[in-house]
Full PDB file with SEQRES, HELIX, SHEET, SSBOND, CRYST1, ORIGX, SCALE, CONECT and MASTER records, all heavy atoms in Angstrom:
SEQRES   1 A   34  ASN THR MET TYR LEU GLN MET ASN SER LEU LYS PRO GLU          
SEQRES   2 A   34  ASP THR ALA VAL TYR TYR CYS THR LEU ARG ILE TRP GLY          
SEQRES   3 A   34  LEU ASP TYR TRP GLY GLN GLY THR                              
HELIX    1 AA1 PRO A   12  ASP A   14  5                                   3    
SHEET    1 AA1 2 THR A  21  ILE A  24  0                                        
SHEET    2 AA1 2 LEU A  27  TRP A  30 -1                                        
CRYST1    1.000    1.000    1.000  90.00  90.00  90.00 P 1           1          
ORIGX1      1.000000  0.000000  0.000000        0.00000                         
ORIGX2      0.000000  1.000000  0.000000        0.00000                         
ORIGX3      0.000000  0.000000  1.000000        0.00000                         
SCALE1      1.000000  0.000000  0.000000        0.00000                         
SCALE2      0.000000  1.000000  0.000000        0.00000                         
SCALE3      0.000000  0.000000  1.000000        0.00000                         
ATOM      1  N   ASN A   1      -7.587   7.341  11.458  1.00  0.00           N  
ATOM      2  CA  ASN A   1      -7.359   5.930  11.146  1.00  0.00           C  
ATOM      3  C   ASN A   1      -6.984   5.746   9.673  1.00  0.00           C  
ATOM      4  O   ASN A   1      -7.470   4.828   9.000  1.00  0.00           O  
ATOM      5  CB  ASN A   1      -8.592   5.080  11.471  1.00  0.00           C  
ATOM      6  CG  ASN A   1      -8.751   4.835  12.947  1.00  0.00           C  
ATOM      7  OD1 ASN A   1      -7.971   5.316  13.767  1.00  0.00           O  
ATOM      8  ND2 ASN A   1      -9.777   4.101  13.305  1.00  0.00           N  
ATOM      9  N   THR A   2      -6.129   6.601   9.187  1.00  0.00           N  
ATOM     10  CA  THR A   2      -5.812   6.632   7.768  1.00  0.00           C  
ATOM     11  C   THR A   2      -4.306   6.648   7.542  1.00  0.00           C  
ATOM     12  O   THR A   2      -3.580   7.348   8.254  1.00  0.00           O  
ATOM     13  CB  THR A   2      -6.446   7.866   7.090  1.00  0.00           C  
ATOM     14  OG1 THR A   2      -7.855   7.846   7.306  1.00  0.00           O  
ATOM     15  CG2 THR A   2      -6.179   7.868   5.595  1.00  0.00           C  
ATOM     16  N   MET A   3      -3.883   5.889   6.544  1.00  0.00           N  
ATOM     17  CA  MET A   3      -2.500   5.942   6.086  1.00  0.00           C  
ATOM     18  C   MET A   3      -2.480   6.481   4.659  1.00  0.00           C  
ATOM     19  O   MET A   3      -3.468   6.342   3.916  1.00  0.00           O  
ATOM     20  CB  MET A   3      -1.829   4.567   6.157  1.00  0.00           C  
ATOM     21  CG  MET A   3      -2.390   3.547   5.188  1.00  0.00           C  
ATOM     22  SD  MET A   3      -1.615   1.922   5.402  1.00  0.00           S  
ATOM     23  CE  MET A   3      -2.693   1.226   6.666  1.00  0.00           C  
ATOM     24  N   TYR A   4      -1.357   7.082   4.287  1.00  0.00           N  
ATOM     25  CA  TYR A   4      -1.220   7.695   2.968  1.00  0.00           C  
ATOM     26  C   TYR A   4       0.093   7.262   2.318  1.00  0.00           C  
ATOM     27  O   TYR A   4       1.053   6.938   3.000  1.00  0.00           O  
ATOM     28  CB  TYR A   4      -1.223   9.229   3.074  1.00  0.00           C  
ATOM     29  CG  TYR A   4      -2.421   9.808   3.760  1.00  0.00           C  
ATOM     30  CD1 TYR A   4      -2.378  10.125   5.117  1.00  0.00           C  
ATOM     31  CD2 TYR A   4      -3.602  10.038   3.069  1.00  0.00           C  
ATOM     32  CE1 TYR A   4      -3.479  10.659   5.758  1.00  0.00           C  
ATOM     33  CE2 TYR A   4      -4.714  10.581   3.702  1.00  0.00           C  
ATOM     34  CZ  TYR A   4      -4.638  10.887   5.051  1.00  0.00           C  
ATOM     35  OH  TYR A   4      -5.735  11.420   5.679  1.00  0.00           O  
ATOM     36  N   LEU A   5       0.094   7.301   1.001  1.00  0.00           N  
ATOM     37  CA  LEU A   5       1.343   7.121   0.261  1.00  0.00           C  
ATOM     38  C   LEU A   5       1.385   8.185  -0.830  1.00  0.00           C  
ATOM     39  O   LEU A   5       0.624   8.111  -1.803  1.00  0.00           O  
ATOM     40  CB  LEU A   5       1.437   5.726  -0.351  1.00  0.00           C  
ATOM     41  CG  LEU A   5       2.771   5.416  -1.025  1.00  0.00           C  
ATOM     42  CD1 LEU A   5       3.905   5.331   0.015  1.00  0.00           C  
ATOM     43  CD2 LEU A   5       2.694   4.106  -1.821  1.00  0.00           C  
ATOM     44  N   GLN A   6       2.239   9.175  -0.643  1.00  0.00           N  
ATOM     45  CA  GLN A   6       2.442  10.198  -1.649  1.00  0.00           C  
ATOM     46  C   GLN A   6       3.528   9.714  -2.601  1.00  0.00           C  
ATOM     47  O   GLN A   6       4.650   9.432  -2.177  1.00  0.00           O  
ATOM     48  CB  GLN A   6       2.870  11.516  -0.998  1.00  0.00           C  
ATOM     49  CG  GLN A   6       3.176  12.625  -1.981  1.00  0.00           C  
ATOM     50  CD  GLN A   6       1.944  13.084  -2.742  1.00  0.00           C  
ATOM     51  OE1 GLN A   6       0.875  13.260  -2.146  1.00  0.00           O  
ATOM     52  NE2 GLN A   6       2.065  13.277  -4.059  1.00  0.00           N  
ATOM     53  N   MET A   7       3.184   9.623  -3.878  1.00  0.00           N  
ATOM     54  CA  MET A   7       4.103   9.083  -4.881  1.00  0.00           C  
ATOM     55  C   MET A   7       4.416  10.175  -5.901  1.00  0.00           C  
ATOM     56  O   MET A   7       3.515  10.633  -6.607  1.00  0.00           O  
ATOM     57  CB  MET A   7       3.474   7.869  -5.572  1.00  0.00           C  
ATOM     58  CG  MET A   7       3.062   6.770  -4.609  1.00  0.00           C  
ATOM     59  SD  MET A   7       2.433   5.293  -5.435  1.00  0.00           S  
ATOM     60  CE  MET A   7       0.929   5.937  -6.152  1.00  0.00           C  
ATOM     61  N   ASN A   8       5.659  10.577  -5.947  1.00  0.00           N  
ATOM     62  CA  ASN A   8       6.114  11.607  -6.876  1.00  0.00           C  
ATOM     63  C   ASN A   8       7.115  11.012  -7.863  1.00  0.00           C  
ATOM     64  O   ASN A   8       7.665   9.933  -7.636  1.00  0.00           O  
ATOM     65  CB  ASN A   8       6.764  12.761  -6.117  1.00  0.00           C  
ATOM     66  CG  ASN A   8       5.820  13.452  -5.163  1.00  0.00           C  
ATOM     67  OD1 ASN A   8       4.614  13.544  -5.416  1.00  0.00           O  
ATOM     68  ND2 ASN A   8       6.358  13.945  -4.062  1.00  0.00           N  
ATOM     69  N   SER A   9       7.342  11.731  -8.937  1.00  0.00           N  
ATOM     70  CA  SER A   9       8.313  11.296  -9.965  1.00  0.00           C  
ATOM     71  C   SER A   9       8.071   9.845 -10.367  1.00  0.00           C  
ATOM     72  O   SER A   9       9.002   9.038 -10.416  1.00  0.00           O  
ATOM     73  CB  SER A   9       9.753  11.476  -9.443  1.00  0.00           C  
ATOM     74  OG  SER A   9       9.997  12.819  -9.090  1.00  0.00           O  
ATOM     75  N   LEU A  10       6.831   9.540 -10.635  1.00  0.00           N  
ATOM     76  CA  LEU A  10       6.467   8.156 -10.934  1.00  0.00           C  
ATOM     77  C   LEU A  10       7.117   7.674 -12.223  1.00  0.00           C  
ATOM     78  O   LEU A  10       7.303   8.441 -13.183  1.00  0.00           O  
ATOM     79  CB  LEU A  10       4.952   8.020 -11.016  1.00  0.00           C  
ATOM     80  CG  LEU A  10       4.251   7.974  -9.658  1.00  0.00           C  
ATOM     81  CD1 LEU A  10       2.789   8.328  -9.782  1.00  0.00           C  
ATOM     82  CD2 LEU A  10       4.429   6.598  -9.030  1.00  0.00           C  
ATOM     83  N   LYS A  11       7.448   6.381 -12.230  1.00  0.00           N  
ATOM     84  CA  LYS A  11       8.097   5.727 -13.359  1.00  0.00           C  
ATOM     85  C   LYS A  11       7.222   4.591 -13.861  1.00  0.00           C  
ATOM     86  O   LYS A  11       6.432   4.028 -13.084  1.00  0.00           O  
ATOM     87  CB  LYS A  11       9.452   5.166 -12.933  1.00  0.00           C  
ATOM     88  CG  LYS A  11      10.394   6.179 -12.318  1.00  0.00           C  
ATOM     89  CD  LYS A  11      11.662   5.498 -11.817  1.00  0.00           C  
ATOM     90  CE  LYS A  11      12.616   6.495 -11.175  1.00  0.00           C  
ATOM     91  NZ  LYS A  11      13.845   5.834 -10.670  1.00  0.00           N  
ATOM     92  N   PRO A  12       7.352   4.202 -15.116  1.00  0.00           N  
ATOM     93  CA  PRO A  12       6.558   3.061 -15.609  1.00  0.00           C  
ATOM     94  C   PRO A  12       6.743   1.802 -14.754  1.00  0.00           C  
ATOM     95  O   PRO A  12       5.786   1.026 -14.601  1.00  0.00           O  
ATOM     96  CB  PRO A  12       7.092   2.869 -17.029  1.00  0.00           C  
ATOM     97  CG  PRO A  12       7.526   4.233 -17.448  1.00  0.00           C  
ATOM     98  CD  PRO A  12       8.090   4.857 -16.201  1.00  0.00           C  
ATOM     99  N   GLU A  13       7.914   1.613 -14.199  1.00  0.00           N  
ATOM    100  CA  GLU A  13       8.147   0.417 -13.377  1.00  0.00           C  
ATOM    101  C   GLU A  13       7.440   0.480 -12.019  1.00  0.00           C  
ATOM    102  O   GLU A  13       7.462  -0.494 -11.262  1.00  0.00           O  
ATOM    103  CB  GLU A  13       9.652   0.178 -13.160  1.00  0.00           C  
ATOM    104  CG  GLU A  13      10.429   1.379 -12.676  1.00  0.00           C  
ATOM    105  CD  GLU A  13      11.100   2.142 -13.802  1.00  0.00           C  
ATOM    106  OE1 GLU A  13      10.459   2.341 -14.863  1.00  0.00           O  
ATOM    107  OE2 GLU A  13      12.272   2.547 -13.625  1.00  0.00           O  
ATOM    108  N   ASP A  14       6.819   1.605 -11.698  1.00  0.00           N  
ATOM    109  CA  ASP A  14       5.988   1.682 -10.492  1.00  0.00           C  
ATOM    110  C   ASP A  14       4.580   1.127 -10.733  1.00  0.00           C  
ATOM    111  O   ASP A  14       3.788   1.024  -9.800  1.00  0.00           O  
ATOM    112  CB  ASP A  14       5.869   3.130 -10.015  1.00  0.00           C  
ATOM    113  CG  ASP A  14       7.187   3.713  -9.553  1.00  0.00           C  
ATOM    114  OD1 ASP A  14       7.942   3.001  -8.855  1.00  0.00           O  
ATOM    115  OD2 ASP A  14       7.470   4.877  -9.890  1.00  0.00           O  
ATOM    116  N   THR A  15       4.273   0.793 -11.979  1.00  0.00           N  
ATOM    117  CA  THR A  15       2.963   0.232 -12.297  1.00  0.00           C  
ATOM    118  C   THR A  15       2.751  -1.079 -11.542  1.00  0.00           C  
ATOM    119  O   THR A  15       3.576  -1.989 -11.613  1.00  0.00           O  
ATOM    120  CB  THR A  15       2.844  -0.018 -13.808  1.00  0.00           C  
ATOM    121  OG1 THR A  15       2.900   1.241 -14.495  1.00  0.00           O  
ATOM    122  CG2 THR A  15       1.538  -0.717 -14.148  1.00  0.00           C  
ATOM    123  N   ALA A  16       1.635  -1.152 -10.803  1.00  0.00           N  
ATOM    124  CA  ALA A  16       1.345  -2.325  -9.966  1.00  0.00           C  
ATOM    125  C   ALA A  16      -0.003  -2.120  -9.278  1.00  0.00           C  
ATOM    126  O   ALA A  16      -0.580  -1.033  -9.328  1.00  0.00           O  
ATOM    127  CB  ALA A  16       2.435  -2.517  -8.913  1.00  0.00           C  
ATOM    128  N   VAL A  17      -0.463  -3.166  -8.635  1.00  0.00           N  
ATOM    129  CA  VAL A  17      -1.568  -3.036  -7.685  1.00  0.00           C  
ATOM    130  C   VAL A  17      -0.951  -2.754  -6.322  1.00  0.00           C  
ATOM    131  O   VAL A  17      -0.066  -3.487  -5.874  1.00  0.00           O  
ATOM    132  CB  VAL A  17      -2.437  -4.303  -7.638  1.00  0.00           C  
ATOM    133  CG1 VAL A  17      -3.529  -4.147  -6.585  1.00  0.00           C  
ATOM    134  CG2 VAL A  17      -3.047  -4.583  -9.009  1.00  0.00           C  
ATOM    135  N   TYR A  18      -1.407  -1.702  -5.696  1.00  0.00           N  
ATOM    136  CA  TYR A  18      -0.872  -1.286  -4.400  1.00  0.00           C  
ATOM    137  C   TYR A  18      -1.848  -1.690  -3.290  1.00  0.00           C  
ATOM    138  O   TYR A  18      -3.051  -1.417  -3.378  1.00  0.00           O  
ATOM    139  CB  TYR A  18      -0.643   0.221  -4.383  1.00  0.00           C  
ATOM    140  CG  TYR A  18       0.596   0.640  -5.145  1.00  0.00           C  
ATOM    141  CD1 TYR A  18       0.635   0.552  -6.530  1.00  0.00           C  
ATOM    142  CD2 TYR A  18       1.729   1.086  -4.483  1.00  0.00           C  
ATOM    143  CE1 TYR A  18       1.766   0.896  -7.239  1.00  0.00           C  
ATOM    144  CE2 TYR A  18       2.875   1.439  -5.179  1.00  0.00           C  
ATOM    145  CZ  TYR A  18       2.888   1.334  -6.553  1.00  0.00           C  
ATOM    146  OH  TYR A  18       4.027   1.679  -7.254  1.00  0.00           O  
ATOM    147  N   TYR A  19      -1.309  -2.328  -2.261  1.00  0.00           N  
ATOM    148  CA  TYR A  19      -2.100  -2.824  -1.142  1.00  0.00           C  
ATOM    149  C   TYR A  19      -1.671  -2.133   0.143  1.00  0.00           C  
ATOM    150  O   TYR A  19      -0.475  -2.085   0.449  1.00  0.00           O  
ATOM    151  CB  TYR A  19      -1.904  -4.322  -0.962  1.00  0.00           C  
ATOM    152  CG  TYR A  19      -2.356  -5.161  -2.133  1.00  0.00           C  
ATOM    153  CD1 TYR A  19      -1.475  -5.470  -3.172  1.00  0.00           C  
ATOM    154  CD2 TYR A  19      -3.647  -5.675  -2.192  1.00  0.00           C  
ATOM    155  CE1 TYR A  19      -1.876  -6.239  -4.242  1.00  0.00           C  
ATOM    156  CE2 TYR A  19      -4.060  -6.450  -3.257  1.00  0.00           C  
ATOM    157  CZ  TYR A  19      -3.165  -6.726  -4.280  1.00  0.00           C  
ATOM    158  OH  TYR A  19      -3.573  -7.505  -5.336  1.00  0.00           O  
ATOM    159  N   CYS A  20      -2.627  -1.664   0.914  1.00  0.00           N  
ATOM    160  CA  CYS A  20      -2.290  -1.195   2.253  1.00  0.00           C  
ATOM    161  C   CYS A  20      -2.380  -2.365   3.221  1.00  0.00           C  
ATOM    162  O   CYS A  20      -3.094  -3.349   2.968  1.00  0.00           O  
ATOM    163  CB  CYS A  20      -3.191  -0.051   2.685  1.00  0.00           C  
ATOM    164  SG  CYS A  20      -4.955  -0.401   2.725  1.00  0.00           S  
ATOM    165  N   THR A  21      -1.653  -2.265   4.299  1.00  0.00           N  
ATOM    166  CA  THR A  21      -1.617  -3.348   5.269  1.00  0.00           C  
ATOM    167  C   THR A  21      -1.509  -2.806   6.682  1.00  0.00           C  
ATOM    168  O   THR A  21      -0.969  -1.719   6.897  1.00  0.00           O  
ATOM    169  CB  THR A  21      -0.435  -4.299   4.968  1.00  0.00           C  
ATOM    170  OG1 THR A  21      -0.479  -5.408   5.861  1.00  0.00           O  
ATOM    171  CG2 THR A  21       0.893  -3.598   5.135  1.00  0.00           C  
ATOM    172  N   LEU A  22      -2.031  -3.567   7.620  1.00  0.00           N  
ATOM    173  CA  LEU A  22      -1.905  -3.258   9.032  1.00  0.00           C  
ATOM    174  C   LEU A  22      -1.417  -4.529   9.713  1.00  0.00           C  
ATOM    175  O   LEU A  22      -2.001  -5.598   9.516  1.00  0.00           O  
ATOM    176  CB  LEU A  22      -3.241  -2.807   9.620  1.00  0.00           C  
ATOM    177  CG  LEU A  22      -3.185  -2.193  11.015  1.00  0.00           C  
ATOM    178  CD1 LEU A  22      -2.458  -0.848  10.979  1.00  0.00           C  
ATOM    179  CD2 LEU A  22      -4.594  -2.017  11.566  1.00  0.00           C  
ATOM    180  N   ARG A  23      -0.352  -4.405  10.498  1.00  0.00           N  
ATOM    181  CA  ARG A  23       0.231  -5.554  11.183  1.00  0.00           C  
ATOM    182  C   ARG A  23      -0.204  -5.526  12.636  1.00  0.00           C  
ATOM    183  O   ARG A  23       0.124  -4.591  13.379  1.00  0.00           O  
ATOM    184  CB  ARG A  23       1.747  -5.533  11.069  1.00  0.00           C  
ATOM    185  CG  ARG A  23       2.455  -6.733  11.657  1.00  0.00           C  
ATOM    186  CD  ARG A  23       3.918  -6.710  11.259  1.00  0.00           C  
ATOM    187  NE  ARG A  23       4.071  -6.775   9.813  1.00  0.00           N  
ATOM    188  CZ  ARG A  23       5.226  -6.514   9.196  1.00  0.00           C  
ATOM    189  NH1 ARG A  23       6.289  -6.145   9.883  1.00  0.00           N  
ATOM    190  NH2 ARG A  23       5.301  -6.595   7.885  1.00  0.00           N  
ATOM    191  N   ILE A  24      -0.941  -6.545  13.036  1.00  0.00           N  
ATOM    192  CA  ILE A  24      -1.474  -6.635  14.397  1.00  0.00           C  
ATOM    193  C   ILE A  24      -0.982  -7.939  15.007  1.00  0.00           C  
ATOM    194  O   ILE A  24      -1.302  -9.020  14.513  1.00  0.00           O  
ATOM    195  CB  ILE A  24      -3.017  -6.597  14.395  1.00  0.00           C  
ATOM    196  CG1 ILE A  24      -3.519  -5.333  13.683  1.00  0.00           C  
ATOM    197  CG2 ILE A  24      -3.559  -6.672  15.811  1.00  0.00           C  
ATOM    198  CD1 ILE A  24      -5.021  -5.307  13.477  1.00  0.00           C  
ATOM    199  N   TRP A  25      -0.214  -7.819  16.091  1.00  0.00           N  
ATOM    200  CA  TRP A  25       0.338  -9.002  16.768  1.00  0.00           C  
ATOM    201  C   TRP A  25       1.021  -9.949  15.780  1.00  0.00           C  
ATOM    202  O   TRP A  25       0.840 -11.172  15.848  1.00  0.00           O  
ATOM    203  CB  TRP A  25      -0.743  -9.742  17.546  1.00  0.00           C  
ATOM    204  CG  TRP A  25      -1.282  -8.945  18.682  1.00  0.00           C  
ATOM    205  CD1 TRP A  25      -2.481  -8.329  18.761  1.00  0.00           C  
ATOM    206  CD2 TRP A  25      -0.611  -8.664  19.935  1.00  0.00           C  
ATOM    207  NE1 TRP A  25      -2.613  -7.679  19.964  1.00  0.00           N  
ATOM    208  CE2 TRP A  25      -1.496  -7.859  20.708  1.00  0.00           C  
ATOM    209  CE3 TRP A  25       0.632  -8.996  20.466  1.00  0.00           C  
ATOM    210  CZ2 TRP A  25      -1.161  -7.402  21.983  1.00  0.00           C  
ATOM    211  CZ3 TRP A  25       0.953  -8.539  21.738  1.00  0.00           C  
ATOM    212  CH2 TRP A  25       0.068  -7.757  22.478  1.00  0.00           C  
ATOM    213  N   GLY A  26       1.788  -9.397  14.860  1.00  0.00           N  
ATOM    214  CA  GLY A  26       2.557 -10.201  13.930  1.00  0.00           C  
ATOM    215  C   GLY A  26       1.790 -10.694  12.715  1.00  0.00           C  
ATOM    216  O   GLY A  26       2.391 -11.308  11.822  1.00  0.00           O  
ATOM    217  N   LEU A  27       0.491 -10.449  12.661  1.00  0.00           N  
ATOM    218  CA  LEU A  27      -0.318 -10.870  11.512  1.00  0.00           C  
ATOM    219  C   LEU A  27      -0.591  -9.668  10.610  1.00  0.00           C  
ATOM    220  O   LEU A  27      -0.922  -8.593  11.098  1.00  0.00           O  
ATOM    221  CB  LEU A  27      -1.645 -11.471  11.973  1.00  0.00           C  
ATOM    222  CG  LEU A  27      -1.564 -12.788  12.741  1.00  0.00           C  
ATOM    223  CD1 LEU A  27      -2.954 -13.230  13.168  1.00  0.00           C  
ATOM    224  CD2 LEU A  27      -0.905 -13.872  11.904  1.00  0.00           C  
ATOM    225  N   ASP A  28      -0.464  -9.880   9.301  1.00  0.00           N  
ATOM    226  CA  ASP A  28      -0.707  -8.817   8.335  1.00  0.00           C  
ATOM    227  C   ASP A  28      -2.130  -8.910   7.797  1.00  0.00           C  
ATOM    228  O   ASP A  28      -2.558  -9.965   7.317  1.00  0.00           O  
ATOM    229  CB  ASP A  28       0.294  -8.901   7.181  1.00  0.00           C  
ATOM    230  CG  ASP A  28       1.695  -8.531   7.607  1.00  0.00           C  
ATOM    231  OD1 ASP A  28       1.835  -7.671   8.489  1.00  0.00           O  
ATOM    232  OD2 ASP A  28       2.664  -9.090   7.056  1.00  0.00           O  
ATOM    233  N   TYR A  29      -2.836  -7.812   7.854  1.00  0.00           N  
ATOM    234  CA  TYR A  29      -4.178  -7.691   7.287  1.00  0.00           C  
ATOM    235  C   TYR A  29      -4.080  -6.757   6.077  1.00  0.00           C  
ATOM    236  O   TYR A  29      -3.390  -5.733   6.134  1.00  0.00           O  
ATOM    237  CB  TYR A  29      -5.143  -7.129   8.330  1.00  0.00           C  
ATOM    238  CG  TYR A  29      -5.333  -8.043   9.513  1.00  0.00           C  
ATOM    239  CD1 TYR A  29      -4.423  -8.040  10.566  1.00  0.00           C  
ATOM    240  CD2 TYR A  29      -6.403  -8.930   9.565  1.00  0.00           C  
ATOM    241  CE1 TYR A  29      -4.573  -8.880  11.649  1.00  0.00           C  
ATOM    242  CE2 TYR A  29      -6.567  -9.776  10.645  1.00  0.00           C  
ATOM    243  CZ  TYR A  29      -5.648  -9.747  11.683  1.00  0.00           C  
ATOM    244  OH  TYR A  29      -5.800 -10.595  12.743  1.00  0.00           O  
ATOM    245  N   TRP A  30      -4.799  -7.122   5.002  1.00  0.00           N  
ATOM    246  CA  TRP A  30      -4.598  -6.463   3.706  1.00  0.00           C  
ATOM    247  C   TRP A  30      -5.848  -5.765   3.192  1.00  0.00           C  
ATOM    248  O   TRP A  30      -6.967  -6.276   3.341  1.00  0.00           O  
ATOM    249  CB  TRP A  30      -4.184  -7.516   2.669  1.00  0.00           C  
ATOM    250  CG  TRP A  30      -2.910  -8.202   3.009  1.00  0.00           C  
ATOM    251  CD1 TRP A  30      -2.772  -9.385   3.670  1.00  0.00           C  
ATOM    252  CD2 TRP A  30      -1.586  -7.738   2.738  1.00  0.00           C  
ATOM    253  NE1 TRP A  30      -1.430  -9.690   3.812  1.00  0.00           N  
ATOM    254  CE2 TRP A  30      -0.695  -8.706   3.256  1.00  0.00           C  
ATOM    255  CE3 TRP A  30      -1.061  -6.617   2.102  1.00  0.00           C  
ATOM    256  CZ2 TRP A  30       0.696  -8.567   3.160  1.00  0.00           C  
ATOM    257  CZ3 TRP A  30       0.313  -6.494   1.997  1.00  0.00           C  
ATOM    258  CH2 TRP A  30       1.166  -7.454   2.526  1.00  0.00           C  
ATOM    259  N   GLY A  31      -5.617  -4.624   2.538  1.00  0.00           N  
ATOM    260  CA  GLY A  31      -6.680  -3.988   1.801  1.00  0.00           C  
ATOM    261  C   GLY A  31      -6.945  -4.716   0.493  1.00  0.00           C  
ATOM    262  O   GLY A  31      -6.270  -5.686   0.150  1.00  0.00           O  
ATOM    263  N   GLN A  32      -7.915  -4.213  -0.256  1.00  0.00           N  
ATOM    264  CA  GLN A  32      -8.340  -4.887  -1.487  1.00  0.00           C  
ATOM    265  C   GLN A  32      -7.433  -4.563  -2.670  1.00  0.00           C  
ATOM    266  O   GLN A  32      -7.496  -5.256  -3.693  1.00  0.00           O  
ATOM    267  CB  GLN A  32      -9.789  -4.513  -1.832  1.00  0.00           C  
ATOM    268  CG  GLN A  32      -9.971  -3.130  -2.447  1.00  0.00           C  
ATOM    269  CD  GLN A  32      -9.966  -2.000  -1.421  1.00  0.00           C  
ATOM    270  OE1 GLN A  32      -9.702  -2.202  -0.237  1.00  0.00           O  
ATOM    271  NE2 GLN A  32     -10.288  -0.791  -1.891  1.00  0.00           N  
ATOM    272  N   GLY A  33      -6.619  -3.550  -2.552  1.00  0.00           N  
ATOM    273  CA  GLY A  33      -5.697  -3.176  -3.617  1.00  0.00           C  
ATOM    274  C   GLY A  33      -6.276  -2.098  -4.523  1.00  0.00           C  
ATOM    275  O   GLY A  33      -7.485  -2.044  -4.750  1.00  0.00           O  
ATOM    276  N   THR A  34      -5.379  -1.255  -5.017  1.00  0.00           N  
ATOM    277  CA  THR A  34      -5.771  -0.220  -5.968  1.00  0.00           C  
ATOM    278  C   THR A  34      -4.727  -0.167  -7.082  1.00  0.00           C  
ATOM    279  O   THR A  34      -3.523  -0.218  -6.814  1.00  0.00           O  
ATOM    280  CB  THR A  34      -5.930   1.151  -5.277  1.00  0.00           C  
ATOM    281  OG1 THR A  34      -6.426   2.111  -6.202  1.00  0.00           O  
ATOM    282  CG2 THR A  34      -4.618   1.660  -4.693  1.00  0.00           C  
TER     283      THR A  34                                                      
MASTER        0    0    0    1    2    0    0    6  282    1    0    3          
END                                                                             
């Protein structure tokens, strides 16, 4: 029950809060952000 995001060659413009999401029946549910 896990999703991953492997991020390589990172750039300063990638700086942000990253949120995971799961779409269930058209509704988006969000993680707390990292």
